[in-house]
Amino acid sequence: VVIAGTGSVAAGVNYRGEYVRCGGWGYLLGDEGSAYDLGRKGLIAVLREYDGRGKKTILTKYILKKLELESPEDIIRKVYIEGMSVREIASLAPLVTRAAAEGDEVAIGIVEECMEMLAELAYTVIDRLEMHGEEVEVGLIGGVFRAGRIVIEVFEEKLRRIEPNVKLITPEWPPEVGALLYACKRGGIDLHRIMKVLRAIS
């Protein structure tokens, strides 16, 4: 499973029951490909365009509007003086994926870079679990994967390039339901009955 929300982490279990985790080191030391990473790179792209070091990007318009700022120079005050939180920076991620879906070259580059990092997380787990050569189901969880079709398409392209035999799964239920089902399974409760109830009320 690859989880990409405010942070990022991948984990998996093989047929021998061996468990491996990769990533999840927090925004200062990791979280590559997360919403925070996308948002931070979006801010950097705006500043690079303003400097004249980067290409023109619609992200400048989108991000300044979202943050209610007049100029890219105001980003410094917003980040360093007012202290933008990790969650606030992560909230800019949908603007990056939206711009990428609209064909913005800079935003596409950011999405590709971030999805390559997430693909690396998934591949590392597969490699450490020695699951090459068999079909591996990779669950995609978190807000990043719900931020537009372009995200999943780019992730799939990056992962299949290094591990072709994967099957991507998007969860039918939110994580809370998954935790409930896992607890029921551990408690010996019939999951088929639980699933019938869930489907009836959904």
C-alpha atoms as a PDB file:
ATOM      1  CA  VAL A   1       0.000   0.000   0.000  1.00  0.00           C
ATOM      2  CA  VAL A   2       1.186   3.537  -0.777  1.00  0.00           C
ATOM      3  CA  ILE A   3      -0.226   6.280   1.426  1.00  0.00           C
ATOM      4  CA  ALA A   4       0.152   9.840   0.178  1.00  0.00           C
ATOM      5  CA  GLY A   5      -1.643  12.471   2.188  1.00  0.00           C
ATOM      6  CA  THR A   6       0.014  15.288   4.101  1.00  0.00           C
ATOM      7  CA  GLY A   7       2.932  12.842   4.431  1.00  0.00           C
ATOM      8  CA  SER A   8       3.918   9.709   2.522  1.00  0.00           C
ATOM      9  CA  VAL A   9       4.771   6.107   3.375  1.00  0.00           C
ATOM     10  CA  ALA A  10       4.593   2.666   1.758  1.00  0.00           C
ATOM     11  CA  ALA A  11       4.200  -0.712   3.433  1.00  0.00           C
ATOM     12  CA  GLY A  12       3.511  -4.278   2.422  1.00  0.00           C
ATOM     13  CA  VAL A  13       3.243  -7.913   3.457  1.00  0.00           C
ATOM     14  CA  ASN A  14       4.308 -10.906   1.352  1.00  0.00           C
ATOM     15  CA  TYR A  15       2.906 -14.442   1.252  1.00  0.00           C
ATOM     16  CA  ARG A  16       5.317 -15.437   4.049  1.00  0.00           C
ATOM     17  CA  GLY A  17       3.771 -12.809   6.293  1.00  0.00           C
ATOM     18  CA  GLU A  18       6.883 -10.622   6.274  1.00  0.00           C
ATOM     19  CA  TYR A  19       6.185  -6.912   6.755  1.00  0.00           C
ATOM     20  CA  VAL A  20       8.198  -4.015   5.319  1.00  0.00           C
ATOM     21  CA  ARG A  21       7.743  -0.274   5.666  1.00  0.00           C
ATOM     22  CA  CYS A  22       9.462   2.431   3.629  1.00  0.00           C
ATOM     23  CA  GLY A  23       9.329   6.212   4.078  1.00  0.00           C
ATOM     24  CA  GLY A  24       7.157   8.036   6.573  1.00  0.00           C
ATOM     25  CA  TRP A  25      10.031  10.081   8.012  1.00  0.00           C
ATOM     26  CA  GLY A  26       8.161  13.377   8.283  1.00  0.00           C
ATOM     27  CA  TYR A  27       8.309  16.589   6.307  1.00  0.00           C
ATOM     28  CA  LEU A  28      11.853  17.563   7.347  1.00  0.00           C
ATOM     29  CA  LEU A  29      13.476  14.237   6.477  1.00  0.00           C
ATOM     30  CA  GLY A  30      11.175  12.663   3.900  1.00  0.00           C
ATOM     31  CA  ASP A  31       7.508  12.664   2.849  1.00  0.00           C
ATOM     32  CA  GLU A  32       8.537  12.700  -0.807  1.00  0.00           C
ATOM     33  CA  GLY A  33       5.559  12.773  -3.154  1.00  0.00           C
ATOM     34  CA  SER A  34       3.163  13.853  -0.409  1.00  0.00           C
ATOM     35  CA  ALA A  35       0.690  16.716  -0.554  1.00  0.00           C
ATOM     36  CA  TYR A  36       3.206  18.737   1.465  1.00  0.00           C
ATOM     37  CA  ASP A  37       5.906  17.981  -1.111  1.00  0.00           C
ATOM     38  CA  LEU A  38       3.601  18.994  -3.976  1.00  0.00           C
ATOM     39  CA  GLY A  39       2.591  22.202  -2.195  1.00  0.00           C
ATOM     40  CA  ARG A  40       6.141  23.135  -1.247  1.00  0.00           C
ATOM     41  CA  LYS A  41       7.363  22.581  -4.794  1.00  0.00           C
ATOM     42  CA  GLY A  42       4.445  24.698  -6.020  1.00  0.00           C
ATOM     43  CA  LEU A  43       5.571  27.578  -3.796  1.00  0.00           C
ATOM     44  CA  ILE A  44       9.151  27.197  -5.020  1.00  0.00           C
ATOM     45  CA  ALA A  45       7.961  27.275  -8.644  1.00  0.00           C
ATOM     46  CA  VAL A  46       6.165  30.577  -8.007  1.00  0.00           C
ATOM     47  CA  LEU A  47       9.306  32.108  -6.476  1.00  0.00           C
ATOM     48  CA  ARG A  48      11.518  30.800  -9.271  1.00  0.00           C
ATOM     49  CA  GLU A  49       9.250  32.365 -11.895  1.00  0.00           C
ATOM     50  CA  TYR A  50       9.275  35.647  -9.965  1.00  0.00           C
ATOM     51  CA  ASP A  51      13.095  35.589  -9.847  1.00  0.00           C
ATOM     52  CA  GLY A  52      13.323  34.896 -13.559  1.00  0.00           C
ATOM     53  CA  ARG A  53      15.004  31.532 -12.893  1.00  0.00           C
ATOM     54  CA  GLY A  54      11.949  29.445 -13.659  1.00  0.00           C
ATOM     55  CA  LYS A  55       9.402  29.100 -16.423  1.00  0.00           C
ATOM     56  CA  LYS A  56       6.101  30.936 -16.414  1.00  0.00           C
ATOM     57  CA  THR A  57       3.397  29.000 -14.599  1.00  0.00           C
ATOM     58  CA  ILE A  58      -0.301  29.387 -13.829  1.00  0.00           C
ATOM     59  CA  LEU A  59       0.626  28.302 -10.293  1.00  0.00           C
ATOM     60  CA  THR A  60       1.541  31.910  -9.515  1.00  0.00           C
ATOM     61  CA  LYS A  61      -2.040  33.011 -10.129  1.00  0.00           C
ATOM     62  CA  TYR A  62      -3.594  30.021  -8.342  1.00  0.00           C
ATOM     63  CA  ILE A  63      -1.367  30.108  -5.259  1.00  0.00           C
ATOM     64  CA  LEU A  64      -1.437  33.876  -4.730  1.00  0.00           C
ATOM     65  CA  LYS A  65      -5.234  33.795  -4.960  1.00  0.00           C
ATOM     66  CA  LYS A  66      -5.527  30.870  -2.534  1.00  0.00           C
ATOM     67  CA  LEU A  67      -3.207  32.535  -0.001  1.00  0.00           C
ATOM     68  CA  GLU A  68      -4.787  35.977  -0.578  1.00  0.00           C
ATOM     69  CA  LEU A  69      -1.415  37.557  -1.400  1.00  0.00           C
ATOM     70  CA  GLU A  70      -0.608  40.441  -3.726  1.00  0.00           C
ATOM     71  CA  SER A  71       2.892  39.393  -4.793  1.00  0.00           C
ATOM     72  CA  PRO A  72       5.200  36.360  -4.649  1.00  0.00           C
ATOM     73  CA  GLU A  73       7.349  38.422  -2.260  1.00  0.00           C
ATOM     74  CA  ASP A  74       4.529  38.113   0.280  1.00  0.00           C
ATOM     75  CA  ILE A  75       5.123  34.344   0.395  1.00  0.00           C
ATOM     76  CA  ILE A  76       8.197  35.002   2.571  1.00  0.00           C
ATOM     77  CA  ARG A  77       6.059  36.720   5.215  1.00  0.00           C
ATOM     78  CA  LYS A  78       3.409  34.011   4.973  1.00  0.00           C
ATOM     79  CA  VAL A  79       5.887  31.157   5.414  1.00  0.00           C
ATOM     80  CA  TYR A  80       8.522  32.556   7.775  1.00  0.00           C
ATOM     81  CA  ILE A  81       6.756  35.236   9.833  1.00  0.00           C
ATOM     82  CA  GLU A  82       3.174  33.994  10.016  1.00  0.00           C
ATOM     83  CA  GLY A  83       4.451  30.412  10.024  1.00  0.00           C
ATOM     84  CA  MET A  84       2.531  28.402   7.432  1.00  0.00           C
ATOM     85  CA  SER A  85       1.847  24.973   8.864  1.00  0.00           C
ATOM     86  CA  VAL A  86       2.643  21.703   7.126  1.00  0.00           C
ATOM     87  CA  ARG A  87      -1.086  21.206   6.613  1.00  0.00           C
ATOM     88  CA  GLU A  88      -1.484  24.655   5.036  1.00  0.00           C
ATOM     89  CA  ILE A  89       1.360  24.003   2.605  1.00  0.00           C
ATOM     90  CA  ALA A  90      -0.125  20.578   1.823  1.00  0.00           C
ATOM     91  CA  SER A  91      -3.458  22.275   1.026  1.00  0.00           C
ATOM     92  CA  LEU A  92      -1.797  23.801  -2.063  1.00  0.00           C
ATOM     93  CA  ALA A  93      -1.336  20.341  -3.639  1.00  0.00           C
ATOM     94  CA  PRO A  94      -4.715  20.339  -5.453  1.00  0.00           C
ATOM     95  CA  LEU A  95      -3.695  23.573  -7.181  1.00  0.00           C
ATOM     96  CA  VAL A  96      -0.582  21.851  -8.520  1.00  0.00           C
ATOM     97  CA  THR A  97      -2.491  18.812  -9.788  1.00  0.00           C
ATOM     98  CA  ARG A  98      -5.192  21.061 -11.280  1.00  0.00           C
ATOM     99  CA  ALA A  99      -2.569  23.108 -13.132  1.00  0.00           C
ATOM    100  CA  ALA A 100      -0.917  19.892 -14.338  1.00  0.00           C
ATOM    101  CA  ALA A 101      -4.246  18.580 -15.650  1.00  0.00           C
ATOM    102  CA  GLU A 102      -4.655  21.876 -17.506  1.00  0.00           C
ATOM    103  CA  GLY A 103      -1.300  21.338 -19.217  1.00  0.00           C
ATOM    104  CA  ASP A 104       0.931  23.696 -17.215  1.00  0.00           C
ATOM    105  CA  GLU A 105       4.476  22.546 -17.957  1.00  0.00           C
ATOM    106  CA  VAL A 106       5.893  23.470 -14.553  1.00  0.00           C
ATOM    107  CA  ALA A 107       3.063  21.757 -12.662  1.00  0.00           C
ATOM    108  CA  ILE A 108       3.384  18.635 -14.824  1.00  0.00           C
ATOM    109  CA  GLY A 109       7.077  18.514 -13.930  1.00  0.00           C
ATOM    110  CA  ILE A 110       6.255  18.726 -10.221  1.00  0.00           C
ATOM    111  CA  VAL A 111       3.654  15.944 -10.452  1.00  0.00           C
ATOM    112  CA  GLU A 112       6.073  13.730 -12.395  1.00  0.00           C
ATOM    113  CA  GLU A 113       8.845  14.285  -9.859  1.00  0.00           C
ATOM    114  CA  CYS A 114       6.567  13.547  -6.909  1.00  0.00           C
ATOM    115  CA  MET A 115       5.019  10.449  -8.493  1.00  0.00           C
ATOM    116  CA  GLU A 116       8.489   9.124  -9.269  1.00  0.00           C
ATOM    117  CA  MET A 117       9.279   9.370  -5.552  1.00  0.00           C
ATOM    118  CA  LEU A 118       6.079   7.504  -4.632  1.00  0.00           C
ATOM    119  CA  ALA A 119       6.827   4.843  -7.264  1.00  0.00           C
ATOM    120  CA  GLU A 120      10.267   4.437  -5.697  1.00  0.00           C
ATOM    121  CA  LEU A 121       8.646   3.862  -2.292  1.00  0.00           C
ATOM    122  CA  ALA A 122       6.371   1.170  -3.750  1.00  0.00           C
ATOM    123  CA  TYR A 123       9.192  -0.479  -5.690  1.00  0.00           C
ATOM    124  CA  THR A 124      11.442  -0.580  -2.624  1.00  0.00           C
ATOM    125  CA  VAL A 125       8.773  -2.396  -0.602  1.00  0.00           C
ATOM    126  CA  ILE A 126       8.213  -4.895  -3.444  1.00  0.00           C
ATOM    127  CA  ASP A 127      11.955  -5.431  -3.755  1.00  0.00           C
ATOM    128  CA  ARG A 128      12.564  -5.946  -0.030  1.00  0.00           C
ATOM    129  CA  LEU A 129       9.657  -8.404   0.130  1.00  0.00           C
ATOM    130  CA  GLU A 130      11.123 -10.311  -2.864  1.00  0.00           C
ATOM    131  CA  MET A 131       7.862 -10.130  -4.812  1.00  0.00           C
ATOM    132  CA  HIS A 132       9.302  -9.551  -8.282  1.00  0.00           C
ATOM    133  CA  GLY A 133       7.766 -11.656 -11.042  1.00  0.00           C
ATOM    134  CA  GLU A 134       4.364 -12.061  -9.411  1.00  0.00           C
ATOM    135  CA  GLU A 135       1.355  -9.792  -9.759  1.00  0.00           C
ATOM    136  CA  VAL A 136       1.499  -7.350  -6.886  1.00  0.00           C
ATOM    137  CA  GLU A 137      -1.563  -5.439  -5.771  1.00  0.00           C
ATOM    138  CA  VAL A 138      -0.688  -1.883  -4.771  1.00  0.00           C
ATOM    139  CA  GLY A 139      -3.344  -0.006  -2.833  1.00  0.00           C
ATOM    140  CA  LEU A 140      -3.422   3.770  -3.287  1.00  0.00           C
ATOM    141  CA  ILE A 141      -4.581   5.674  -0.216  1.00  0.00           C
ATOM    142  CA  GLY A 142      -4.655   9.354   0.653  1.00  0.00           C
ATOM    143  CA  GLY A 143      -5.703  12.721  -0.664  1.00  0.00           C
ATOM    144  CA  VAL A 144      -2.934  12.937  -3.263  1.00  0.00           C
ATOM    145  CA  PHE A 145      -4.424  10.005  -5.180  1.00  0.00           C
ATOM    146  CA  ARG A 146      -7.853  11.677  -5.073  1.00  0.00           C
ATOM    147  CA  ALA A 147      -6.485  14.952  -6.476  1.00  0.00           C
ATOM    148  CA  GLY A 148      -7.166  14.142 -10.117  1.00  0.00           C
ATOM    149  CA  ARG A 149      -6.777  11.356 -12.644  1.00  0.00           C
ATOM    150  CA  ILE A 150      -3.426  12.727 -13.799  1.00  0.00           C
ATOM    151  CA  VAL A 151      -1.855  11.756 -10.467  1.00  0.00           C
ATOM    152  CA  ILE A 152      -2.734   8.059 -10.751  1.00  0.00           C
ATOM    153  CA  GLU A 153      -1.851   7.962 -14.451  1.00  0.00           C
ATOM    154  CA  VAL A 154       1.613   9.422 -13.871  1.00  0.00           C
ATOM    155  CA  PHE A 155       2.193   7.214 -10.800  1.00  0.00           C
ATOM    156  CA  GLU A 156       1.206   4.099 -12.753  1.00  0.00           C
ATOM    157  CA  GLU A 157       3.505   5.038 -15.636  1.00  0.00           C
ATOM    158  CA  LYS A 158       6.462   5.605 -13.283  1.00  0.00           C
ATOM    159  CA  LEU A 159       5.882   2.382 -11.320  1.00  0.00           C
ATOM    160  CA  ARG A 160       5.277   0.142 -14.349  1.00  0.00           C
ATOM    161  CA  ARG A 161       8.532   1.380 -15.849  1.00  0.00           C
ATOM    162  CA  ILE A 162      10.464  -0.236 -12.969  1.00  0.00           C
ATOM    163  CA  GLU A 163       7.971  -2.942 -11.879  1.00  0.00           C
ATOM    164  CA  PRO A 164       5.646  -3.893 -14.779  1.00  0.00           C
ATOM    165  CA  ASN A 165       3.602  -6.584 -13.031  1.00  0.00           C
ATOM    166  CA  VAL A 166       1.540  -4.431 -10.674  1.00  0.00           C
ATOM    167  CA  LYS A 167      -2.189  -4.001 -10.222  1.00  0.00           C
ATOM    168  CA  LEU A 168      -3.290  -0.677  -8.760  1.00  0.00           C
ATOM    169  CA  ILE A 169      -6.182  -0.751  -6.315  1.00  0.00           C
ATOM    170  CA  THR A 170      -8.131   2.271  -5.125  1.00  0.00           C
ATOM    171  CA  PRO A 171      -9.955   1.507  -1.869  1.00  0.00           C
ATOM    172  CA  GLU A 172     -13.698   0.964  -1.876  1.00  0.00           C
ATOM    173  CA  TRP A 173     -13.975   2.212   1.702  1.00  0.00           C
ATOM    174  CA  PRO A 174     -12.230   4.904   3.788  1.00  0.00           C
ATOM    175  CA  PRO A 175      -9.421   3.845   6.196  1.00  0.00           C
ATOM    176  CA  GLU A 176     -11.768   3.871   9.201  1.00  0.00           C
ATOM    177  CA  VAL A 177     -13.871   1.120   7.614  1.00  0.00           C
ATOM    178  CA  GLY A 178     -10.708  -0.820   6.804  1.00  0.00           C
ATOM    179  CA  ALA A 179      -9.691  -0.641  10.465  1.00  0.00           C
ATOM    180  CA  LEU A 180     -13.153  -1.868  11.485  1.00  0.00           C
ATOM    181  CA  LEU A 181     -13.004  -4.796   9.053  1.00  0.00           C
ATOM    182  CA  TYR A 182      -9.521  -5.718  10.263  1.00  0.00           C
ATOM    183  CA  ALA A 183     -10.713  -5.666  13.888  1.00  0.00           C
ATOM    184  CA  CYS A 184     -13.711  -7.841  12.948  1.00  0.00           C
ATOM    185  CA  LYS A 185     -11.446 -10.313  11.178  1.00  0.00           C
ATOM    186  CA  ARG A 186      -9.112 -10.486  14.188  1.00  0.00           C
ATOM    187  CA  GLY A 187     -12.138 -11.015  16.414  1.00  0.00           C
ATOM    188  CA  GLY A 188     -13.448 -13.901  14.320  1.00  0.00           C
ATOM    189  CA  ILE A 189     -16.525 -12.023  13.100  1.00  0.00           C
ATOM    190  CA  ASP A 190     -17.954 -13.041   9.716  1.00  0.00           C
ATOM    191  CA  LEU A 191     -16.743 -10.388   7.255  1.00  0.00           C
ATOM    192  CA  HIS A 192     -19.294 -11.359   4.596  1.00  0.00           C
ATOM    193  CA  ARG A 193     -22.145 -10.277   6.859  1.00  0.00           C
ATOM    194  CA  ILE A 194     -20.370  -7.023   7.737  1.00  0.00           C
ATOM    195  CA  MET A 195     -19.734  -6.272   4.053  1.00  0.00           C
ATOM    196  CA  LYS A 196     -23.413  -6.874   3.209  1.00  0.00           C
ATOM    197  CA  VAL A 197     -24.447  -4.360   5.861  1.00  0.00           C
ATOM    198  CA  LEU A 198     -21.881  -1.795   4.681  1.00  0.00           C
ATOM    199  CA  ARG A 199     -22.968  -2.103   1.060  1.00  0.00           C
ATOM    200  CA  ALA A 200     -26.632  -1.846   2.049  1.00  0.00           C
ATOM    201  CA  ILE A 201     -26.112   1.449   3.881  1.00  0.00           C
ATOM    202  CA  SER A 202     -23.604   3.027   1.480  1.00  0.00           C
END
